[in-house]
């Protein structure tokens, strides 16, 4: 039987694959007292992801916005943890 991935561990692993400045920024936004930044940023990223067909915006914004909102909405954490686990495995497989 497979274990259920932990959301915070998977987010930490995902941050390790990002450039250093992005990882540091995401770490600050994921902090306990940054809810006033995290929720509007998550909603804005989801809105930008929905408009991903436009030139400047992209569909990459949608999962990042959901990941930010998953910090504060427990119902989203489990599916997002599975998605991050899958993504981390694919990234690590491609790097090796």
N, C-alpha and C. Protein backbone atom coordinates (compact mmCIF):
# COMPACT_ATOMS: atom_id res chain seq x y z
N UNK A 1 0.84 -1.17 0.00
CA UNK A 1 0.00 0.00 0.00
C UNK A 1 0.89 1.24 0.00
N UNK A 2 0.55 2.22 -0.79
CA UNK A 2 1.37 3.43 -0.88
C UNK A 2 0.99 4.39 0.22
N UNK A 3 1.97 5.15 0.64
CA UNK A 3 1.72 6.12 1.69
C UNK A 3 1.16 7.40 1.08
N UNK A 4 0.41 8.13 1.89
CA UNK A 4 -0.10 9.42 1.45
C UNK A 4 0.99 10.46 1.62
N UNK A 5 1.38 11.16 0.54
CA UNK A 5 2.45 12.14 0.67
C UNK A 5 2.03 13.32 1.55
N UNK A 6 3.00 13.86 2.28
CA UNK A 6 2.76 15.02 3.12
C UNK A 6 2.90 16.28 2.28
N UNK A 7 1.93 17.17 2.37
CA UNK A 7 1.92 18.37 1.53
C UNK A 7 3.15 19.24 1.77
N UNK A 8 3.48 19.50 3.03
CA UNK A 8 4.61 20.39 3.33
C UNK A 8 5.94 19.79 2.89
N UNK A 9 6.12 18.49 3.05
CA UNK A 9 7.35 17.85 2.59
C UNK A 9 7.47 17.92 1.08
N UNK A 10 6.38 17.70 0.40
CA UNK A 10 6.40 17.75 -1.07
C UNK A 10 6.64 19.18 -1.57
N UNK A 11 6.08 20.17 -0.89
CA UNK A 11 6.34 21.56 -1.27
C UNK A 11 7.82 21.90 -1.05
N UNK A 12 8.40 21.41 0.04
CA UNK A 12 9.83 21.64 0.29
C UNK A 12 10.67 21.01 -0.81
N UNK A 13 10.33 19.77 -1.20
CA UNK A 13 11.06 19.12 -2.29
C UNK A 13 10.91 19.89 -3.59
N UNK A 14 9.71 20.39 -3.84
CA UNK A 14 9.45 21.15 -5.06
C UNK A 14 10.25 22.45 -5.07
N UNK A 15 10.33 23.10 -3.92
CA UNK A 15 11.12 24.34 -3.82
C UNK A 15 12.59 24.09 -4.11
N UNK A 16 13.08 22.92 -3.75
CA UNK A 16 14.49 22.59 -4.00
C UNK A 16 14.81 22.51 -5.49
N UNK A 17 13.80 22.26 -6.32
CA UNK A 17 14.02 22.17 -7.76
C UNK A 17 13.97 23.54 -8.44
N UNK A 18 13.55 24.55 -7.73
CA UNK A 18 13.41 25.88 -8.30
C UNK A 18 14.71 26.67 -8.16
N UNK A 19 14.85 27.74 -8.93
CA UNK A 19 16.00 28.63 -8.71
C UNK A 19 15.96 29.17 -7.27
N UNK A 20 17.12 29.52 -6.75
CA UNK A 20 17.25 29.90 -5.34
C UNK A 20 16.34 31.08 -4.98
N UNK A 21 16.28 32.09 -5.82
CA UNK A 21 15.49 33.28 -5.48
C UNK A 21 13.99 32.96 -5.46
N UNK A 22 13.55 32.05 -6.31
CA UNK A 22 12.14 31.65 -6.32
C UNK A 22 11.82 30.85 -5.06
N UNK A 23 12.73 29.94 -4.70
CA UNK A 23 12.54 29.13 -3.51
C UNK A 23 12.47 29.97 -2.24
N UNK A 24 13.35 30.98 -2.15
CA UNK A 24 13.33 31.88 -0.97
C UNK A 24 12.04 32.67 -0.91
N UNK A 25 11.59 33.16 -2.05
CA UNK A 25 10.33 33.93 -2.08
C UNK A 25 9.15 33.05 -1.69
N UNK A 26 9.12 31.85 -2.23
CA UNK A 26 8.02 30.93 -1.91
C UNK A 26 8.05 30.53 -0.44
N UNK A 27 9.24 30.39 0.11
CA UNK A 27 9.35 30.04 1.54
C UNK A 27 8.77 31.16 2.41
N UNK A 28 9.04 32.41 2.04
CA UNK A 28 8.48 33.54 2.80
C UNK A 28 6.96 33.57 2.70
N UNK A 29 6.43 33.33 1.52
CA UNK A 29 4.98 33.37 1.31
C UNK A 29 4.29 32.21 2.02
N UNK A 30 5.00 31.10 2.19
CA UNK A 30 4.41 29.95 2.87
C UNK A 30 4.44 30.07 4.38
N UNK A 31 5.05 31.12 4.93
CA UNK A 31 5.12 31.31 6.38
C UNK A 31 3.75 31.50 7.01
N UNK A 32 3.68 31.28 8.32
CA UNK A 32 2.39 31.36 9.04
C UNK A 32 1.76 32.74 8.98
N UNK A 33 2.56 33.78 9.04
CA UNK A 33 2.02 35.14 9.11
C UNK A 33 1.83 35.80 7.75
N UNK A 34 2.04 35.05 6.68
CA UNK A 34 1.93 35.62 5.34
C UNK A 34 0.59 35.31 4.67
N UNK A 35 -0.42 34.99 5.46
CA UNK A 35 -1.72 34.65 4.87
C UNK A 35 -2.29 35.84 4.09
N UNK A 36 -2.01 37.04 4.52
CA UNK A 36 -2.52 38.23 3.84
C UNK A 36 -1.86 38.41 2.47
N UNK A 37 -0.75 37.76 2.22
CA UNK A 37 -0.10 37.79 0.91
C UNK A 37 -0.48 36.53 0.11
N UNK A 38 -0.53 35.39 0.80
CA UNK A 38 -0.72 34.10 0.16
C UNK A 38 -2.10 33.98 -0.52
N UNK A 39 -3.15 34.37 0.16
CA UNK A 39 -4.50 34.19 -0.39
C UNK A 39 -4.73 35.09 -1.62
N UNK A 40 -4.45 36.40 -1.55
CA UNK A 40 -4.63 37.20 -2.77
C UNK A 40 -3.71 36.76 -3.91
N UNK A 41 -2.47 36.35 -3.58
CA UNK A 41 -1.55 35.89 -4.62
C UNK A 41 -2.08 34.60 -5.25
N UNK A 42 -2.60 33.69 -4.44
CA UNK A 42 -3.15 32.44 -4.96
C UNK A 42 -4.34 32.68 -5.87
N UNK A 43 -5.23 33.57 -5.44
CA UNK A 43 -6.41 33.89 -6.26
C UNK A 43 -5.98 34.57 -7.56
N UNK A 44 -5.01 35.48 -7.48
CA UNK A 44 -4.52 36.15 -8.69
C UNK A 44 -3.84 35.17 -9.65
N UNK A 45 -3.07 34.23 -9.11
CA UNK A 45 -2.42 33.24 -9.97
C UNK A 45 -3.44 32.32 -10.63
N UNK A 46 -4.47 31.94 -9.90
CA UNK A 46 -5.53 31.10 -10.49
C UNK A 46 -6.25 31.88 -11.59
N UNK A 47 -6.55 33.15 -11.33
CA UNK A 47 -7.18 33.98 -12.35
C UNK A 47 -6.31 34.13 -13.58
N UNK A 48 -5.00 34.33 -13.38
CA UNK A 48 -4.08 34.41 -14.51
C UNK A 48 -3.96 33.09 -15.25
N UNK A 49 -4.03 31.98 -14.51
CA UNK A 49 -3.97 30.67 -15.13
C UNK A 49 -5.18 30.37 -16.00
N UNK A 50 -6.33 30.86 -15.57
CA UNK A 50 -7.55 30.67 -16.37
C UNK A 50 -7.43 31.45 -17.68
N UNK A 51 -6.74 32.58 -17.64
CA UNK A 51 -6.52 33.39 -18.84
C UNK A 51 -5.19 33.03 -19.51
N UNK A 52 -4.75 31.79 -19.34
CA UNK A 52 -3.45 31.35 -19.83
C UNK A 52 -3.28 31.38 -21.33
N UNK A 53 -4.35 31.50 -22.06
CA UNK A 53 -4.24 31.56 -23.52
C UNK A 53 -3.72 32.92 -23.98
N UNK A 54 -3.70 33.91 -23.10
CA UNK A 54 -3.17 35.23 -23.46
C UNK A 54 -1.64 35.17 -23.47
N UNK A 55 -1.00 36.08 -24.21
CA UNK A 55 0.46 36.00 -24.40
C UNK A 55 1.30 36.08 -23.12
N UNK A 56 1.00 36.97 -22.20
CA UNK A 56 1.85 37.18 -21.03
C UNK A 56 1.56 36.16 -19.94
N UNK A 57 0.32 35.78 -19.80
CA UNK A 57 -0.08 34.84 -18.76
C UNK A 57 0.13 33.41 -19.24
N UNK A 58 0.14 32.48 -18.32
CA UNK A 58 0.35 31.09 -18.72
C UNK A 58 -0.43 30.14 -17.84
N UNK A 59 -0.62 28.93 -18.35
CA UNK A 59 -1.34 27.92 -17.60
C UNK A 59 -0.55 27.44 -16.39
N UNK A 60 0.77 27.72 -16.34
CA UNK A 60 1.60 27.34 -15.20
C UNK A 60 1.14 28.05 -13.93
N UNK A 61 0.43 29.16 -14.06
CA UNK A 61 -0.01 29.94 -12.91
C UNK A 61 -1.10 29.22 -12.12
N UNK A 62 -1.89 28.41 -12.78
CA UNK A 62 -3.02 27.73 -12.14
C UNK A 62 -2.58 26.77 -11.03
N UNK A 63 -1.68 25.81 -11.27
CA UNK A 63 -1.29 24.92 -10.17
C UNK A 63 -0.51 25.62 -9.06
N UNK A 64 0.24 26.65 -9.41
CA UNK A 64 0.96 27.39 -8.37
C UNK A 64 -0.02 28.13 -7.46
N UNK A 65 -1.06 28.72 -8.03
CA UNK A 65 -2.09 29.37 -7.23
C UNK A 65 -2.82 28.40 -6.33
N UNK A 66 -3.13 27.21 -6.84
CA UNK A 66 -3.80 26.19 -6.03
C UNK A 66 -2.88 25.73 -4.91
N UNK A 67 -1.58 25.61 -5.19
CA UNK A 67 -0.62 25.20 -4.16
C UNK A 67 -0.54 26.24 -3.05
N UNK A 68 -0.60 27.52 -3.40
CA UNK A 68 -0.58 28.56 -2.36
C UNK A 68 -1.85 28.53 -1.52
N UNK A 69 -2.99 28.33 -2.16
CA UNK A 69 -4.24 28.26 -1.41
C UNK A 69 -4.33 27.00 -0.56
N UNK A 70 -3.64 25.94 -0.96
CA UNK A 70 -3.67 24.69 -0.21
C UNK A 70 -3.05 24.86 1.18
N UNK A 71 -2.20 25.85 1.35
CA UNK A 71 -1.64 26.13 2.68
C UNK A 71 -2.74 26.46 3.68
N UNK A 72 -3.81 27.09 3.21
CA UNK A 72 -4.87 27.59 4.09
C UNK A 72 -6.18 26.82 3.98
N UNK A 73 -6.35 26.01 2.94
CA UNK A 73 -7.59 25.25 2.75
C UNK A 73 -7.26 23.77 2.83
N UNK A 74 -7.55 23.12 3.95
CA UNK A 74 -7.15 21.73 4.16
C UNK A 74 -7.69 20.74 3.13
N UNK A 75 -8.84 21.00 2.56
CA UNK A 75 -9.44 20.07 1.59
C UNK A 75 -8.57 19.93 0.34
N UNK A 76 -7.85 20.97 -0.01
CA UNK A 76 -7.03 20.97 -1.22
C UNK A 76 -5.67 20.31 -0.98
N UNK A 77 -5.23 20.20 0.27
CA UNK A 77 -3.88 19.72 0.56
C UNK A 77 -3.60 18.32 0.04
N UNK A 78 -4.50 17.38 0.28
CA UNK A 78 -4.24 15.99 -0.11
C UNK A 78 -4.09 15.83 -1.63
N UNK A 79 -5.04 16.35 -2.45
CA UNK A 79 -4.85 16.21 -3.89
C UNK A 79 -3.60 16.96 -4.39
N UNK A 80 -3.31 18.10 -3.78
CA UNK A 80 -2.13 18.87 -4.18
C UNK A 80 -0.85 18.13 -3.78
N UNK A 81 -0.88 17.44 -2.64
CA UNK A 81 0.29 16.66 -2.21
C UNK A 81 0.57 15.53 -3.21
N UNK A 82 -0.50 14.89 -3.69
CA UNK A 82 -0.32 13.83 -4.69
C UNK A 82 0.23 14.40 -5.99
N UNK A 83 -0.28 15.55 -6.42
CA UNK A 83 0.22 16.18 -7.65
C UNK A 83 1.68 16.60 -7.50
N UNK A 84 2.03 17.17 -6.35
CA UNK A 84 3.42 17.56 -6.12
C UNK A 84 4.34 16.35 -6.05
N UNK A 85 3.86 15.27 -5.43
CA UNK A 85 4.66 14.04 -5.36
C UNK A 85 4.95 13.51 -6.76
N UNK A 86 3.93 13.48 -7.60
CA UNK A 86 4.09 13.05 -8.99
C UNK A 86 5.07 13.96 -9.73
N UNK A 87 4.91 15.26 -9.56
CA UNK A 87 5.78 16.22 -10.24
C UNK A 87 7.22 16.09 -9.76
N UNK A 88 7.41 15.97 -8.46
CA UNK A 88 8.77 15.81 -7.93
C UNK A 88 9.45 14.55 -8.45
N UNK A 89 8.69 13.45 -8.52
CA UNK A 89 9.27 12.21 -9.06
C UNK A 89 9.69 12.39 -10.51
N UNK A 90 8.86 13.06 -11.30
CA UNK A 90 9.19 13.27 -12.72
C UNK A 90 10.42 14.16 -12.87
N UNK A 91 10.51 15.21 -12.07
CA UNK A 91 11.66 16.12 -12.13
C UNK A 91 12.94 15.38 -11.74
N UNK A 92 12.87 14.60 -10.66
CA UNK A 92 14.05 13.87 -10.19
C UNK A 92 14.46 12.79 -11.18
N UNK A 93 13.50 12.15 -11.81
CA UNK A 93 13.81 11.13 -12.82
C UNK A 93 14.48 11.76 -14.03
N UNK A 94 14.02 12.94 -14.41
CA UNK A 94 14.60 13.62 -15.57
C UNK A 94 16.01 14.12 -15.26
N UNK A 95 16.27 14.54 -14.02
CA UNK A 95 17.60 15.02 -13.65
C UNK A 95 18.63 13.90 -13.59
N UNK A 96 18.18 12.70 -13.27
CA UNK A 96 19.16 11.60 -13.13
C UNK A 96 19.43 10.86 -14.43
